[in-house]
Structure formats: C-alpha cells, structure tokens
Amino acid sequence: MPSLAPPIIEGVFVNGDKKKLIEIVLNGLQGVEIKGEHYASPMPGFAYLSDAEIADVLTYVRSSFKNKGTSVTEQEVKEARNTK
C-alpha cells in the first residue's frame, strides 16, 4: 500500500544516523516526509524491547533489503535509551 509506511529498502532513516534510527524505534514516529512523499501513519515506540533485541533487529534491517549500513550495538541502544 503506497504511503502507508516509509520504505526500509534503501531507506533514508535505515541507512542514516544510527542514533536517530534507534530513537525512532524507542519512541515511535508520526508524520514524516521522505523524498517528497508524506507518511502520516503512526509507528509506535518499542522501548519495551531489550537493548539487545533492538540492536539485533536494526542490524538486520541495516544490512538487508539493499541496505549497506553498519551494525547497531547493544551499547549504542543503551546510550540512546539513557539520554531521555
């Protein structure tokens, strides 16, 4: 379904700043424009997941679906979680 959710294939957030991506997963996101396309559907936060679970999922997404991002560590998630 077009415009339902931002793409993860070669995604701007997926391949961008890891800290921002972690914050999106922890806190959720709503109302974003990417490459001229507006996405209004809310994404809930997943702060209830462990640091290791978030790191594993983001590492997988950043290295799959035509993405070439580096891995996300449990420590990076922990640091992002503790800055709030």
PDB file of N, CA and C in Angstrom:
ATOM      1  N   MET A   1       0.836  -1.176   0.000  1.00  0.00           N
ATOM      2  CA  MET A   1       0.000   0.000   0.000  1.00  0.00           C
ATOM      3  C   MET A   1       0.880   1.238   0.000  1.00  0.00           C
ATOM      4  N   PRO A   2       0.786   2.034  -1.036  1.00  0.00           N
ATOM      5  CA  PRO A   2       1.614   3.247  -1.123  1.00  0.00           C
ATOM      6  C   PRO A   2       1.337   4.204   0.037  1.00  0.00           C
ATOM      7  N   SER A   3       2.373   4.844   0.490  1.00  0.00           N
ATOM      8  CA  SER A   3       2.324   5.879   1.527  1.00  0.00           C
ATOM      9  C   SER A   3       1.879   5.372   2.901  1.00  0.00           C
ATOM     10  N   LEU A   4       1.833   4.070   3.095  1.00  0.00           N
ATOM     11  CA  LEU A   4       1.444   3.544   4.405  1.00  0.00           C
ATOM     12  C   LEU A   4       2.568   3.733   5.421  1.00  0.00           C
ATOM     13  N   ALA A   5       3.784   3.383   5.017  1.00  0.00           N
ATOM     14  CA  ALA A   5       4.938   3.496   5.917  1.00  0.00           C
ATOM     15  C   ALA A   5       6.171   3.833   5.089  1.00  0.00           C
ATOM     16  N   PRO A   6       7.116   4.546   5.676  1.00  0.00           N
ATOM     17  CA  PRO A   6       8.351   4.867   4.956  1.00  0.00           C
ATOM     18  C   PRO A   6       9.073   3.583   4.528  1.00  0.00           C
ATOM     19  N   PRO A   7       9.731   3.618   3.384  1.00  0.00           N
ATOM     20  CA  PRO A   7      10.409   2.418   2.903  1.00  0.00           C
ATOM     21  C   PRO A   7      11.627   2.052   3.751  1.00  0.00           C
ATOM     22  N   ILE A   8      11.852   0.737   3.875  1.00  0.00           N
ATOM     23  CA  ILE A   8      13.086   0.293   4.524  1.00  0.00           C
ATOM     24  C   ILE A   8      14.106  -0.151   3.483  1.00  0.00           C
ATOM     25  N   ILE A   9      13.666  -0.369   2.244  1.00  0.00           N
ATOM     26  CA  ILE A   9      14.597  -0.711   1.175  1.00  0.00           C
ATOM     27  C   ILE A   9      15.326   0.563   0.790  1.00  0.00           C
ATOM     28  N   GLU A  10      16.625   0.564   0.988  1.00  0.00           N
ATOM     29  CA  GLU A  10      17.436   1.750   0.757  1.00  0.00           C
ATOM     30  C   GLU A  10      16.828   2.968   1.453  1.00  0.00           C
ATOM     31  N   GLY A  11      16.361   2.763   2.670  1.00  0.00           N
ATOM     32  CA  GLY A  11      15.656   3.794   3.420  1.00  0.00           C
ATOM     33  C   GLY A  11      16.562   4.884   3.952  1.00  0.00           C
ATOM     34  N   VAL A  12      16.040   6.101   3.956  1.00  0.00           N
ATOM     35  CA  VAL A  12      16.776   7.258   4.435  1.00  0.00           C
ATOM     36  C   VAL A  12      17.122   7.104   5.920  1.00  0.00           C
ATOM     37  N   PHE A  13      16.138   6.748   6.737  1.00  0.00           N
ATOM     38  CA  PHE A  13      16.390   6.575   8.165  1.00  0.00           C
ATOM     39  C   PHE A  13      17.210   5.321   8.429  1.00  0.00           C
ATOM     40  N   VAL A  14      16.937   4.277   7.689  1.00  0.00           N
ATOM     41  CA  VAL A  14      17.633   2.998   7.896  1.00  0.00           C
ATOM     42  C   VAL A  14      19.130   3.149   7.659  1.00  0.00           C
ATOM     43  N   ASN A  15      19.505   3.840   6.612  1.00  0.00           N
ATOM     44  CA  ASN A  15      20.910   3.988   6.260  1.00  0.00           C
ATOM     45  C   ASN A  15      21.548   5.250   6.833  1.00  0.00           C
ATOM     46  N   GLY A  16      20.761   6.056   7.505  1.00  0.00           N
ATOM     47  CA  GLY A  16      21.274   7.313   8.044  1.00  0.00           C
ATOM     48  C   GLY A  16      21.890   7.157   9.426  1.00  0.00           C
ATOM     49  N   ASP A  17      21.744   8.192  10.202  1.00  0.00           N
ATOM     50  CA  ASP A  17      22.304   8.277  11.551  1.00  0.00           C
ATOM     51  C   ASP A  17      21.723   7.174  12.437  1.00  0.00           C
ATOM     52  N   LYS A  18      22.598   6.317  12.972  1.00  0.00           N
ATOM     53  CA  LYS A  18      22.142   5.208  13.808  1.00  0.00           C
ATOM     54  C   LYS A  18      21.420   5.702  15.053  1.00  0.00           C
ATOM     55  N   LYS A  19      21.894   6.759  15.655  1.00  0.00           N
ATOM     56  CA  LYS A  19      21.264   7.276  16.869  1.00  0.00           C
ATOM     57  C   LYS A  19      19.823   7.694  16.587  1.00  0.00           C
ATOM     58  N   LYS A  20      19.597   8.362  15.480  1.00  0.00           N
ATOM     59  CA  LYS A  20      18.238   8.780  15.103  1.00  0.00           C
ATOM     60  C   LYS A  20      17.356   7.559  14.873  1.00  0.00           C
ATOM     61  N   LEU A  21      17.879   6.552  14.210  1.00  0.00           N
ATOM     62  CA  LEU A  21      17.118   5.329  13.953  1.00  0.00           C
ATOM     63  C   LEU A  21      16.746   4.641  15.266  1.00  0.00           C
ATOM     64  N   ILE A  22      17.685   4.555  16.174  1.00  0.00           N
ATOM     65  CA  ILE A  22      17.419   3.946  17.482  1.00  0.00           C
ATOM     66  C   ILE A  22      16.336   4.735  18.207  1.00  0.00           C
ATOM     67  N   GLU A  23      16.418   6.050  18.172  1.00  0.00           N
ATOM     68  CA  GLU A  23      15.419   6.895  18.830  1.00  0.00           C
ATOM     69  C   GLU A  23      14.033   6.681  18.237  1.00  0.00           C
ATOM     70  N   ILE A  24      13.956   6.496  16.925  1.00  0.00           N
ATOM     71  CA  ILE A  24      12.673   6.223  16.279  1.00  0.00           C
ATOM     72  C   ILE A  24      12.092   4.910  16.797  1.00  0.00           C
ATOM     73  N   VAL A  25      12.922   3.888  16.891  1.00  0.00           N
ATOM     74  CA  VAL A  25      12.439   2.594  17.377  1.00  0.00           C
ATOM     75  C   VAL A  25      12.018   2.694  18.846  1.00  0.00           C
ATOM     76  N   LEU A  26      12.758   3.406  19.645  1.00  0.00           N
ATOM     77  CA  LEU A  26      12.417   3.542  21.059  1.00  0.00           C
ATOM     78  C   LEU A  26      11.151   4.367  21.281  1.00  0.00           C
ATOM     79  N   ASN A  27      11.013   5.480  20.551  1.00  0.00           N
ATOM     80  CA  ASN A  27       9.959   6.454  20.832  1.00  0.00           C
ATOM     81  C   ASN A  27       8.826   6.490  19.822  1.00  0.00           C
ATOM     82  N   GLY A  28       8.996   5.837  18.685  1.00  0.00           N
ATOM     83  CA  GLY A  28       7.989   5.886  17.636  1.00  0.00           C
ATOM     84  C   GLY A  28       8.175   7.106  16.745  1.00  0.00           C
ATOM     85  N   LEU A  29       7.288   7.207  15.769  1.00  0.00           N
ATOM     86  CA  LEU A  29       7.381   8.308  14.798  1.00  0.00           C
ATOM     87  C   LEU A  29       6.023   8.495  14.151  1.00  0.00           C
ATOM     88  N   GLN A  30       5.677   9.736  13.900  1.00  0.00           N
ATOM     89  CA  GLN A  30       4.433  10.025  13.188  1.00  0.00           C
ATOM     90  C   GLN A  30       4.615  11.274  12.350  1.00  0.00           C
ATOM     91  N   GLY A  31       4.075  11.241  11.153  1.00  0.00           N
ATOM     92  CA  GLY A  31       4.097  12.409  10.284  1.00  0.00           C
ATOM     93  C   GLY A  31       5.488  12.773   9.805  1.00  0.00           C
ATOM     94  N   VAL A  32       5.950  12.098   8.774  1.00  0.00           N
ATOM     95  CA  VAL A  32       7.279  12.356   8.246  1.00  0.00           C
ATOM     96  C   VAL A  32       7.207  12.448   6.723  1.00  0.00           C
ATOM     97  N   GLU A  33       8.080  13.286   6.145  1.00  0.00           N
ATOM     98  CA  GLU A  33       8.166  13.390   4.692  1.00  0.00           C
ATOM     99  C   GLU A  33       9.543  12.909   4.251  1.00  0.00           C
ATOM    100  N   ILE A  34       9.553  11.982   3.307  1.00  0.00           N
ATOM    101  CA  ILE A  34      10.791  11.421   2.782  1.00  0.00           C
ATOM    102  C   ILE A  34      10.729  11.452   1.269  1.00  0.00           C
ATOM    103  N   LYS A  35      11.721  12.113   0.680  1.00  0.00           N
ATOM    104  CA  LYS A  35      11.812  12.220  -0.772  1.00  0.00           C
ATOM    105  C   LYS A  35      10.496  12.705  -1.391  1.00  0.00           C
ATOM    106  N   GLY A  36       9.881  13.717  -0.736  1.00  0.00           N
ATOM    107  CA  GLY A  36       8.662  14.319  -1.249  1.00  0.00           C
ATOM    108  C   GLY A  36       7.386  13.540  -0.976  1.00  0.00           C
ATOM    109  N   GLU A  37       7.478  12.407  -0.330  1.00  0.00           N
ATOM    110  CA  GLU A  37       6.317  11.572  -0.016  1.00  0.00           C
ATOM    111  C   GLU A  37       5.992  11.718   1.467  1.00  0.00           C
ATOM    112  N   HIS A  38       4.724  11.994   1.794  1.00  0.00           N
ATOM    113  CA  HIS A  38       4.317  12.171   3.195  1.00  0.00           C
ATOM    114  C   HIS A  38       3.758  10.862   3.742  1.00  0.00           C
ATOM    115  N   TYR A  39       4.207  10.501   4.934  1.00  0.00           N
ATOM    116  CA  TYR A  39       3.747   9.296   5.621  1.00  0.00           C
ATOM    117  C   TYR A  39       3.131   9.717   6.947  1.00  0.00           C
ATOM    118  N   ALA A  40       1.822   9.530   7.091  1.00  0.00           N
ATOM    119  CA  ALA A  40       1.117  10.004   8.279  1.00  0.00           C
ATOM    120  C   ALA A  40       0.824   8.905   9.294  1.00  0.00           C
ATOM    121  N   SER A  41       0.874   7.650   8.883  1.00  0.00           N
ATOM    122  CA  SER A  41       0.546   6.559   9.805  1.00  0.00           C
ATOM    123  C   SER A  41       1.544   6.511  10.955  1.00  0.00           C
ATOM    124  N   PRO A  42       1.039   6.442  12.187  1.00  0.00           N
ATOM    125  CA  PRO A  42       1.957   6.416  13.325  1.00  0.00           C
ATOM    126  C   PRO A  42       2.661   5.073  13.474  1.00  0.00           C
ATOM    127  N   MET A  43       3.917   5.133  13.888  1.00  0.00           N
ATOM    128  CA  MET A  43       4.653   3.935  14.269  1.00  0.00           C
ATOM    129  C   MET A  43       4.846   4.031  15.774  1.00  0.00           C
ATOM    130  N   PRO A  44       4.371   3.050  16.525  1.00  0.00           N
ATOM    131  CA  PRO A  44       4.549   3.117  17.977  1.00  0.00           C
ATOM    132  C   PRO A  44       6.000   2.897  18.357  1.00  0.00           C
ATOM    133  N   GLY A  45       6.333   3.314  19.563  1.00  0.00           N
ATOM    134  CA  GLY A  45       7.662   3.048  20.089  1.00  0.00           C
ATOM    135  C   GLY A  45       7.758   1.615  20.586  1.00  0.00           C
ATOM    136  N   PHE A  46       8.963   1.097  20.612  1.00  0.00           N
ATOM    137  CA  PHE A  46       9.199  -0.272  21.057  1.00  0.00           C
ATOM    138  C   PHE A  46      10.197  -0.295  22.217  1.00  0.00           C
ATOM    139  N   ALA A  47      10.071   0.668  23.114  1.00  0.00           N
ATOM    140  CA  ALA A  47      11.010   0.772  24.234  1.00  0.00           C
ATOM    141  C   ALA A  47      10.934  -0.421  25.179  1.00  0.00           C
ATOM    142  N   TYR A  48       9.872  -1.194  25.084  1.00  0.00           N
ATOM    143  CA  TYR A  48       9.743  -2.374  25.937  1.00  0.00           C
ATOM    144  C   TYR A  48      10.685  -3.502  25.520  1.00  0.00           C
ATOM    145  N   LEU A  49      11.234  -3.430  24.304  1.00  0.00           N
ATOM    146  CA  LEU A  49      12.211  -4.429  23.866  1.00  0.00           C
ATOM    147  C   LEU A  49      13.542  -4.182  24.561  1.00  0.00           C
ATOM    148  N   SER A  50      14.319  -5.225  24.715  1.00  0.00           N
ATOM    149  CA  SER A  50      15.637  -5.078  25.341  1.00  0.00           C
ATOM    150  C   SER A  50      16.603  -4.384  24.384  1.00  0.00           C
ATOM    151  N   ASP A  51      17.680  -3.870  24.931  1.00  0.00           N
ATOM    152  CA  ASP A  51      18.710  -3.236  24.105  1.00  0.00           C
ATOM    153  C   ASP A  51      19.249  -4.218  23.071  1.00  0.00           C
ATOM    154  N   ALA A  52      19.453  -5.464  23.474  1.00  0.00           N
ATOM    155  CA  ALA A  52      19.967  -6.484  22.552  1.00  0.00           C
ATOM    156  C   ALA A  52      18.968  -6.781  21.436  1.00  0.00           C
ATOM    157  N   GLU A  53      17.680  -6.851  21.763  1.00  0.00           N
ATOM    158  CA  GLU A  53      16.664  -7.117  20.737  1.00  0.00           C
ATOM    159  C   GLU A  53      16.613  -5.996  19.710  1.00  0.00           C
ATOM    160  N   ILE A  54      16.628  -4.761  20.172  1.00  0.00           N
ATOM    161  CA  ILE A  54      16.606  -3.619  19.254  1.00  0.00           C
ATOM    162  C   ILE A  54      17.857  -3.606  18.398  1.00  0.00           C
ATOM    163  N   ALA A  55      19.010  -3.836  19.001  1.00  0.00           N
ATOM    164  CA  ALA A  55      20.270  -3.864  18.247  1.00  0.00           C
ATOM    165  C   ALA A  55      20.231  -4.950  17.173  1.00  0.00           C
ATOM    166  N   ASP A  56      19.726  -6.122  17.514  1.00  0.00           N
ATOM    167  CA  ASP A  56      19.659  -7.225  16.555  1.00  0.00           C
ATOM    168  C   ASP A  56      18.741  -6.899  15.382  1.00  0.00           C
ATOM    169  N   VAL A  57      17.555  -6.370  15.672  1.00  0.00           N
ATOM    170  CA  VAL A  57      16.601  -6.031  14.607  1.00  0.00           C
ATOM    171  C   VAL A  57      17.176  -4.946  13.706  1.00  0.00           C
ATOM    172  N   LEU A  58      17.740  -3.894  14.297  1.00  0.00           N
ATOM    173  CA  LEU A  58      18.265  -2.796  13.479  1.00  0.00           C
ATOM    174  C   LEU A  58      19.493  -3.225  12.675  1.00  0.00           C
ATOM    175  N   THR A  59      20.309  -4.074  13.243  1.00  0.00           N
ATOM    176  CA  THR A  59      21.454  -4.599  12.484  1.00  0.00           C
ATOM    177  C   THR A  59      20.965  -5.383  11.280  1.00  0.00           C
ATOM    178  N   TYR A  60      19.949  -6.202  11.485  1.00  0.00           N
ATOM    179  CA  TYR A  60      19.386  -6.979  10.371  1.00  0.00           C
ATOM    180  C   TYR A  60      18.828  -6.051   9.287  1.00  0.00           C
ATOM    181  N   VAL A  61      18.016  -5.094   9.677  1.00  0.00           N
ATOM    182  CA  VAL A  61      17.399  -4.188   8.701  1.00  0.00           C
ATOM    183  C   VAL A  61      18.460  -3.366   7.980  1.00  0.00           C
ATOM    184  N   ARG A  62      19.490  -2.896   8.703  1.00  0.00           N
ATOM    185  CA  ARG A  62      20.535  -2.068   8.095  1.00  0.00           C
ATOM    186  C   ARG A  62      21.450  -2.856   7.158  1.00  0.00           C
ATOM    187  N   SER A  63      21.418  -4.182   7.250  1.00  0.00           N
ATOM    188  CA  SER A  63      22.277  -4.988   6.365  1.00  0.00           C
ATOM    189  C   SER A  63      21.476  -5.835   5.378  1.00  0.00           C
ATOM    190  N   SER A  64      20.176  -5.626   5.316  1.00  0.00           N
ATOM    191  CA  SER A  64      19.295  -6.362   4.405  1.00  0.00           C
ATOM    192  C   SER A  64      18.504  -5.377   3.550  1.00  0.00           C
ATOM    193  N   PHE A  65      17.706  -5.895   2.641  1.00  0.00           N
ATOM    194  CA  PHE A  65      16.815  -5.060   1.826  1.00  0.00           C
ATOM    195  C   PHE A  65      17.580  -4.001   1.026  1.00  0.00           C
ATOM    196  N   LYS A  66      18.690  -4.394   0.457  1.00  0.00           N
ATOM    197  CA  LYS A  66      19.544  -3.496  -0.335  1.00  0.00           C
ATOM    198  C   LYS A  66      20.219  -2.405   0.502  1.00  0.00           C
ATOM    199  N   ASN A  67      20.177  -2.527   1.811  1.00  0.00           N
ATOM    200  CA  ASN A  67      20.829  -1.550   2.694  1.00  0.00           C
ATOM    201  C   ASN A  67      22.268  -1.965   2.936  1.00  0.00           C
ATOM    202  N   LYS A  68      23.111  -1.005   3.179  1.00  0.00           N
ATOM    203  CA  LYS A  68      24.542  -1.248   3.399  1.00  0.00           C
ATOM    204  C   LYS A  68      25.030  -0.624   4.700  1.00  0.00           C
ATOM    205  N   GLY A  69      24.140  -0.486   5.668  1.00  0.00           N
ATOM    206  CA  GLY A  69      24.501   0.157   6.928  1.00  0.00           C
ATOM    207  C   GLY A  69      25.327  -0.746   7.826  1.00  0.00           C
ATOM    208  N   THR A  70      26.035  -0.118   8.731  1.00  0.00           N
ATOM    209  CA  THR A  70      26.831  -0.857   9.704  1.00  0.00           C
ATOM    210  C   THR A  70      25.916  -1.387  10.813  1.00  0.00           C
ATOM    211  N   SER A  71      26.436  -2.303  11.596  1.00  0.00           N
ATOM    212  CA  SER A  71      25.636  -2.908  12.655  1.00  0.00           C
ATOM    213  C   SER A  71      25.365  -1.907  13.774  1.00  0.00           C
ATOM    214  N   VAL A  72      24.331  -2.207  14.544  1.00  0.00           N
ATOM    215  CA  VAL A  72      23.964  -1.427  15.721  1.00  0.00           C
ATOM    216  C   VAL A  72      24.306  -2.287  16.929  1.00  0.00           C
ATOM    217  N   THR A  73      24.976  -1.698  17.903  1.00  0.00           N
ATOM    218  CA  THR A  73      25.385  -2.467  19.073  1.00  0.00           C
ATOM    219  C   THR A  73      24.407  -2.265  20.227  1.00  0.00           C
ATOM    220  N   GLU A  74      24.429  -3.210  21.123  1.00  0.00           N
ATOM    221  CA  GLU A  74      23.620  -3.121  22.334  1.00  0.00           C
ATOM    222  C   GLU A  74      24.003  -1.866  23.123  1.00  0.00           C
ATOM    223  N   GLN A  75      25.284  -1.537  23.155  1.00  0.00           N
ATOM    224  CA  GLN A  75      25.752  -0.353  23.869  1.00  0.00           C
ATOM    225  C   GLN A  75      25.194   0.934  23.251  1.00  0.00           C
ATOM    226  N   GLU A  76      25.111   1.000  21.930  1.00  0.00           N
ATOM    227  CA  GLU A  76      24.546   2.184  21.267  1.00  0.00           C
ATOM    228  C   GLU A  76      23.080   2.365  21.634  1.00  0.00           C
ATOM    229  N   VAL A  77      22.347   1.263  21.708  1.00  0.00           N
ATOM    230  CA  VAL A  77      20.938   1.346  22.105  1.00  0.00           C
ATOM    231  C   VAL A  77      20.831   1.793  23.558  1.00  0.00           C
ATOM    232  N   LYS A  78      21.648   1.231  24.410  1.00  0.00           N
ATOM    233  CA  LYS A  78      21.644   1.587  25.831  1.00  0.00           C
ATOM    234  C   LYS A  78      21.930   3.078  26.007  1.00  0.00           C
ATOM    235  N   GLU A  79      22.916   3.601  25.290  1.00  0.00           N
ATOM    236  CA  GLU A  79      23.238   5.021  25.377  1.00  0.00           C
ATOM    237  C   GLU A  79      22.087   5.904  24.902  1.00  0.00           C
ATOM    238  N   ALA A  80      21.445   5.513  23.796  1.00  0.00           N
ATOM    239  CA  ALA A  80      20.317   6.284  23.284  1.00  0.00           C
ATOM    240  C   ALA A  80      19.147   6.245  24.261  1.00  0.00           C
ATOM    241  N   ARG A  81      18.919   5.102  24.861  1.00  0.00           N
ATOM    242  CA  ARG A  81      17.839   4.957  25.826  1.00  0.00           C
ATOM    243  C   ARG A  81      18.087   5.835  27.065  1.00  0.00           C
ATOM    244  N   ASN A  82      19.333   5.922  27.482  1.00  0.00           N
ATOM    245  CA  ASN A  82      19.683   6.669  28.695  1.00  0.00           C
ATOM    246  C   ASN A  82      19.761   8.182  28.490  1.00  0.00           C
ATOM    247  N   THR A  83      19.698   8.658  27.253  1.00  0.00           N
ATOM    248  CA  THR A  83      19.744  10.103  27.011  1.00  0.00           C
ATOM    249  C   THR A  83      18.380  10.754  27.190  1.00  0.00           C
ATOM    250  N   LYS A  84      17.361   9.979  27.387  1.00  0.00           N
ATOM    251  CA  LYS A  84      15.999  10.524  27.567  1.00  0.00           C
ATOM    252  C   LYS A  84      15.690  10.762  29.007  1.00  0.00           C
TER     253      LYS A  84
END
